[in-house]
C-alpha atoms as a PDB file:
ATOM      1  CA  MET A   1     -59.051 -35.303-213.052  1.00  0.00           C
ATOM      2  CA  LYS A   2     -61.507 -32.424-212.919  1.00  0.00           C
ATOM      3  CA  LEU A   3     -61.492 -29.625-215.444  1.00  0.00           C
ATOM      4  CA  THR A   4     -63.752 -26.575-215.360  1.00  0.00           C
ATOM      5  CA  VAL A   5     -64.552 -25.269-218.827  1.00  0.00           C
ATOM      6  CA  ASN A   6     -66.969 -22.443-219.559  1.00  0.00           C
ATOM      7  CA  GLY A   7     -68.440 -22.720-216.069  1.00  0.00           C
ATOM      8  CA  HIS A   8     -69.033 -26.485-216.173  1.00  0.00           C
ATOM      9  CA  THR A   9     -66.896 -28.967-214.250  1.00  0.00           C
ATOM     10  CA  HIS A  10     -66.011 -32.179-216.080  1.00  0.00           C
ATOM     11  CA  ASP A  11     -64.480 -35.416-214.812  1.00  0.00           C
ATOM     12  CA  ILE A  12     -62.024 -36.504-217.469  1.00  0.00           C
ATOM     13  CA  ALA A  13     -59.974 -39.673-217.675  1.00  0.00           C
ATOM     14  CA  VAL A  14     -56.991 -38.789-219.859  1.00  0.00           C
ATOM     15  CA  GLU A  15     -53.226 -38.772-219.543  1.00  0.00           C
ATOM     16  CA  ALA A  16     -51.924 -35.621-217.850  1.00  0.00           C
ATOM     17  CA  GLU A  17     -49.644 -34.961-220.860  1.00  0.00           C
ATOM     18  CA  MET A  18     -52.541 -34.791-223.334  1.00  0.00           C
ATOM     19  CA  PRO A  19     -52.731 -31.291-224.832  1.00  0.00           C
ATOM     20  CA  LEU A  20     -55.626 -29.238-223.519  1.00  0.00           C
ATOM     21  CA  LEU A  21     -56.770 -28.686-227.119  1.00  0.00           C
ATOM     22  CA  TRP A  22     -57.371 -32.406-227.625  1.00  0.00           C
ATOM     23  CA  VAL A  23     -59.277 -32.657-224.356  1.00  0.00           C
ATOM     24  CA  LEU A  24     -61.470 -29.733-225.353  1.00  0.00           C
ATOM     25  CA  ARG A  25     -62.153 -30.932-228.888  1.00  0.00           C
ATOM     26  CA  ASP A  26     -61.998 -34.725-228.720  1.00  0.00           C
ATOM     27  CA  VAL A  27     -63.118 -35.467-225.165  1.00  0.00           C
ATOM     28  CA  LEU A  28     -65.508 -32.613-224.395  1.00  0.00           C
ATOM     29  CA  GLY A  29     -66.690 -31.816-227.943  1.00  0.00           C
ATOM     30  CA  ILE A  30     -65.867 -28.101-227.696  1.00  0.00           C
ATOM     31  CA  THR A  31     -64.816 -27.148-231.208  1.00  0.00           C
ATOM     32  CA  GLY A  32     -64.258 -23.380-231.019  1.00  0.00           C
ATOM     33  CA  PRO A  33     -60.506 -23.674-230.418  1.00  0.00           C
ATOM     34  CA  LYS A  34     -58.945 -24.873-233.666  1.00  0.00           C
ATOM     35  CA  TYR A  35     -55.886 -26.953-234.441  1.00  0.00           C
ATOM     36  CA  GLY A  36     -53.640 -24.825-236.590  1.00  0.00           C
ATOM     37  CA  CYS A  37     -49.989 -25.692-236.158  1.00  0.00           C
ATOM     38  CA  GLY A  38     -49.618 -27.802-233.018  1.00  0.00           C
ATOM     39  CA  ILE A  39     -46.568 -25.845-231.839  1.00  0.00           C
ATOM     40  CA  ALA A  40     -48.161 -22.708-230.321  1.00  0.00           C
ATOM     41  CA  GLN A  41     -47.154 -20.474-233.225  1.00  0.00           C
ATOM     42  CA  CYS A  42     -50.417 -19.575-235.003  1.00  0.00           C
ATOM     43  CA  GLY A  43     -52.905 -18.828-232.202  1.00  0.00           C
ATOM     44  CA  ALA A  44     -55.915 -20.688-233.631  1.00  0.00           C
ATOM     45  CA  CYS A  45     -56.163 -22.743-230.427  1.00  0.00           C
ATOM     46  CA  THR A  46     -56.079 -19.806-227.981  1.00  0.00           C
ATOM     47  CA  VAL A  47     -58.226 -20.131-224.857  1.00  0.00           C
ATOM     48  CA  HIS A  48     -58.176 -18.419-221.476  1.00  0.00           C
ATOM     49  CA  VAL A  49     -56.853 -20.324-218.477  1.00  0.00           C
ATOM     50  CA  GLY A  50     -57.532 -18.362-215.323  1.00  0.00           C
ATOM     51  CA  GLY A  51     -58.108 -15.295-217.493  1.00  0.00           C
ATOM     52  CA  VAL A  52     -54.768 -15.580-219.309  1.00  0.00           C
ATOM     53  CA  ALA A  53     -54.635 -16.274-223.062  1.00  0.00           C
ATOM     54  CA  MET A  54     -52.859 -19.574-223.667  1.00  0.00           C
ATOM     55  CA  ARG A  55     -52.180 -21.772-226.681  1.00  0.00           C
ATOM     56  CA  SER A  56     -54.105 -24.924-225.816  1.00  0.00           C
ATOM     57  CA  CYS A  57     -52.208 -27.088-228.310  1.00  0.00           C
ATOM     58  CA  SER A  58     -49.081 -26.881-226.179  1.00  0.00           C
ATOM     59  CA  VAL A  59     -50.557 -26.911-222.649  1.00  0.00           C
ATOM     60  CA  PRO A  60     -50.663 -30.347-221.026  1.00  0.00           C
ATOM     61  CA  VAL A  61     -54.081 -30.740-219.418  1.00  0.00           C
ATOM     62  CA  GLY A  62     -52.433 -31.900-216.201  1.00  0.00           C
ATOM     63  CA  SER A  63     -50.773 -28.510-215.803  1.00  0.00           C
ATOM     64  CA  VAL A  64     -53.974 -26.472-216.113  1.00  0.00           C
ATOM     65  CA  GLN A  65     -54.479 -24.285-213.057  1.00  0.00           C
ATOM     66  CA  GLY A  66     -57.789 -22.460-213.082  1.00  0.00           C
ATOM     67  CA  THR A  67     -60.924 -22.245-215.127  1.00  0.00           C
ATOM     68  CA  VAL A  68     -60.739 -22.651-218.896  1.00  0.00           C
ATOM     69  CA  THR A  69     -62.787 -20.338-221.090  1.00  0.00           C
ATOM     70  CA  THR A  70     -63.182 -21.002-224.801  1.00  0.00           C
ATOM     71  CA  ILE A  71     -64.885 -18.841-227.415  1.00  0.00           C
ATOM     72  CA  GLU A  72     -68.108 -20.684-226.560  1.00  0.00           C
ATOM     73  CA  GLY A  73     -67.934 -19.344-222.997  1.00  0.00           C
ATOM     74  CA  LEU A  74     -66.773 -15.794-223.714  1.00  0.00           C
ATOM     75  CA  GLY A  75     -70.184 -14.291-224.330  1.00  0.00           C
ATOM     76  CA  SER A  76     -73.662 -15.679-224.714  1.00  0.00           C
ATOM     77  CA  PRO A  77     -76.265 -15.773-227.477  1.00  0.00           C
ATOM     78  CA  GLN A  78     -78.159 -13.082-225.563  1.00  0.00           C
ATOM     79  CA  ALA A  79     -75.135 -10.842-224.940  1.00  0.00           C
ATOM     80  CA  LEU A  80     -72.019 -11.105-227.064  1.00  0.00           C
ATOM     81  CA  HIS A  81     -68.739 -10.074-225.460  1.00  0.00           C
ATOM     82  CA  ALA A  82     -67.666  -6.615-226.666  1.00  0.00           C
ATOM     83  CA  VAL A  83     -64.885  -8.156-228.758  1.00  0.00           C
ATOM     84  CA  GLN A  84     -67.294 -10.578-230.430  1.00  0.00           C
ATOM     85  CA  ALA A  85     -69.726  -7.736-231.176  1.00  0.00           C
ATOM     86  CA  ALA A  86     -66.909  -5.625-232.640  1.00  0.00           C
ATOM     87  CA  TRP A  87     -65.820  -8.559-234.826  1.00  0.00           C
ATOM     88  CA  VAL A  88     -69.331  -8.721-236.278  1.00  0.00           C
ATOM     89  CA  GLU A  89     -69.584  -4.943-236.634  1.00  0.00           C
ATOM     90  CA  HIS A  90     -66.327  -4.748-238.605  1.00  0.00           C
ATOM     91  CA  GLN A  91     -66.946  -7.989-240.509  1.00  0.00           C
ATOM     92  CA  VAL A  92     -63.488  -9.194-239.539  1.00  0.00           C
ATOM     93  CA  ALA A  93     -63.838 -12.844-240.504  1.00  0.00           C
ATOM     94  CA  GLN A  94     -63.185 -14.063-244.004  1.00  0.00           C
ATOM     95  CA  CYS A  95     -62.545 -17.795-243.824  1.00  0.00           C
ATOM     96  CA  GLY A  96     -63.018 -17.597-240.044  1.00  0.00           C
ATOM     97  CA  TYR A  97     -60.569 -20.321-239.076  1.00  0.00           C
ATOM     98  CA  CYS A  98     -58.382 -18.119-236.880  1.00  0.00           C
ATOM     99  CA  GLN A  99     -61.155 -15.984-235.472  1.00  0.00           C
ATOM    100  CA  SER A 100     -61.820 -17.760-232.176  1.00  0.00           C
ATOM    101  CA  GLY A 101     -58.125 -17.510-231.309  1.00  0.00           C
ATOM    102  CA  GLN A 102     -57.992 -13.889-232.446  1.00  0.00           C
ATOM    103  CA  ILE A 103     -61.033 -12.988-230.346  1.00  0.00           C
ATOM    104  CA  MET A 104     -59.734 -14.802-227.261  1.00  0.00           C
ATOM    105  CA  THR A 105     -56.363 -13.067-227.592  1.00  0.00           C
ATOM    106  CA  ALA A 106     -58.024  -9.668-228.020  1.00  0.00           C
ATOM    107  CA  ALA A 107     -60.329 -10.181-225.029  1.00  0.00           C
ATOM    108  CA  ALA A 108     -57.429 -11.121-222.716  1.00  0.00           C
ATOM    109  CA  PHE A 109     -55.350  -8.229-224.076  1.00  0.00           C
ATOM    110  CA  LEU A 110     -58.106  -5.665-223.469  1.00  0.00           C
ATOM    111  CA  ALA A 111     -58.679  -7.012-219.960  1.00  0.00           C
ATOM    112  CA  SER A 112     -55.074  -6.084-219.150  1.00  0.00           C
ATOM    113  CA  ASN A 113     -54.818  -2.967-221.351  1.00  0.00           C
ATOM    114  CA  PRO A 114     -58.183  -1.204-221.720  1.00  0.00           C
ATOM    115  CA  THR A 115     -56.806   1.814-223.614  1.00  0.00           C
ATOM    116  CA  PRO A 116     -54.274   0.444-226.104  1.00  0.00           C
ATOM    117  CA  SER A 117     -52.520   2.350-228.852  1.00  0.00           C
ATOM    118  CA  ASP A 118     -52.536   0.991-232.411  1.00  0.00           C
ATOM    119  CA  GLU A 119     -48.938  -0.130-231.906  1.00  0.00           C
ATOM    120  CA  GLN A 120     -49.887  -2.031-228.747  1.00  0.00           C
ATOM    121  CA  ILE A 121     -52.820  -3.669-230.542  1.00  0.00           C
ATOM    122  CA  ASP A 122     -50.576  -4.697-233.426  1.00  0.00           C
ATOM    123  CA  GLU A 123     -47.979  -6.102-231.039  1.00  0.00           C
ATOM    124  CA  ALA A 124     -50.519  -8.008-228.936  1.00  0.00           C
ATOM    125  CA  MET A 125     -52.244  -9.486-231.964  1.00  0.00           C
ATOM    126  CA  SER A 126     -49.096 -10.181-234.007  1.00  0.00           C
ATOM    127  CA  ALA A 127     -48.686 -13.666-232.544  1.00  0.00           C
ATOM    128  CA  ASN A 128     -52.000 -14.729-234.116  1.00  0.00           C
ATOM    129  CA  LEU A 129     -51.792 -15.689-237.770  1.00  0.00           C
ATOM    130  CA  CYS A 130     -54.597 -14.693-240.149  1.00  0.00           C
ATOM    131  CA  ARG A 131     -54.005 -16.246-243.525  1.00  0.00           C
ATOM    132  CA  CYS A 132     -56.710 -14.069-245.070  1.00  0.00           C
ATOM    133  CA  GLY A 133     -54.861 -10.900-243.984  1.00  0.00           C
ATOM    134  CA  THR A 134     -57.692  -9.169-242.134  1.00  0.00           C
ATOM    135  CA  TYR A 135     -55.256  -7.389-239.827  1.00  0.00           C
ATOM    136  CA  PRO A 136     -56.590  -3.846-240.495  1.00  0.00           C
ATOM    137  CA  ARG A 137     -60.125  -4.970-239.601  1.00  0.00           C
ATOM    138  CA  ILE A 138     -58.784  -6.816-236.552  1.00  0.00           C
ATOM    139  CA  ARG A 139     -57.151  -3.576-235.337  1.00  0.00           C
ATOM    140  CA  GLN A 140     -60.381  -1.627-235.925  1.00  0.00           C
ATOM    141  CA  ALA A 141     -62.420  -4.247-234.070  1.00  0.00           C
ATOM    142  CA  VAL A 142     -60.051  -4.227-231.096  1.00  0.00           C
ATOM    143  CA  ARG A 143     -60.267  -0.411-230.983  1.00  0.00           C
ATOM    144  CA  THR A 144     -64.076  -0.561-231.107  1.00  0.00           C
ATOM    145  CA  ALA A 145     -64.185  -3.261-228.408  1.00  0.00           C
ATOM    146  CA  ALA A 146     -61.938  -1.164-226.160  1.00  0.00           C
ATOM    147  CA  THR A 147     -64.369   1.750-226.492  1.00  0.00           C
ATOM    148  CA  LYS A 148     -67.370  -0.500-225.806  1.00  0.00           C
ATOM    149  CA  LEU A 149     -65.689  -2.027-222.740  1.00  0.00           C
ATOM    150  CA  LYS A 150     -65.107   1.488-221.364  1.00  0.00           C
ATOM    151  CA  GLY A 151     -68.811   2.181-221.746  1.00  0.00           C
ATOM    152  CA  GLY A 152     -68.599   4.163-224.958  1.00  0.00           C
END
């Protein structure tokens, strides 16, 4: 089957039931999405499929409709995505394990809600687990990214 990830099309020979996460990490060598829980509860494996944030550990690769974007494809070394830049600005990461999933969730959220309230940010990000407890910095970074995306 063919799978387009971060703008590159790949021919992959795997079972259709294989989780997208395993295809990304083990077949394609893309290690940004992390294995956290394996049951779509922690968010460490979040990627965009057709622009929608999805938990790649629970998505069979055969069901993928659209282009897959991982943290590696969100921005570029020359121009970080606004969410990535805000993460750096607010020094969100501690251990960093959850951060790619957090950033991918935030980017998809802001694409659908460019002017969120704190309550909306908290609700949108609540499905992503941060064991280090950087939730206040996550909220600040999402607020900053929203402002940057609006041109501020």
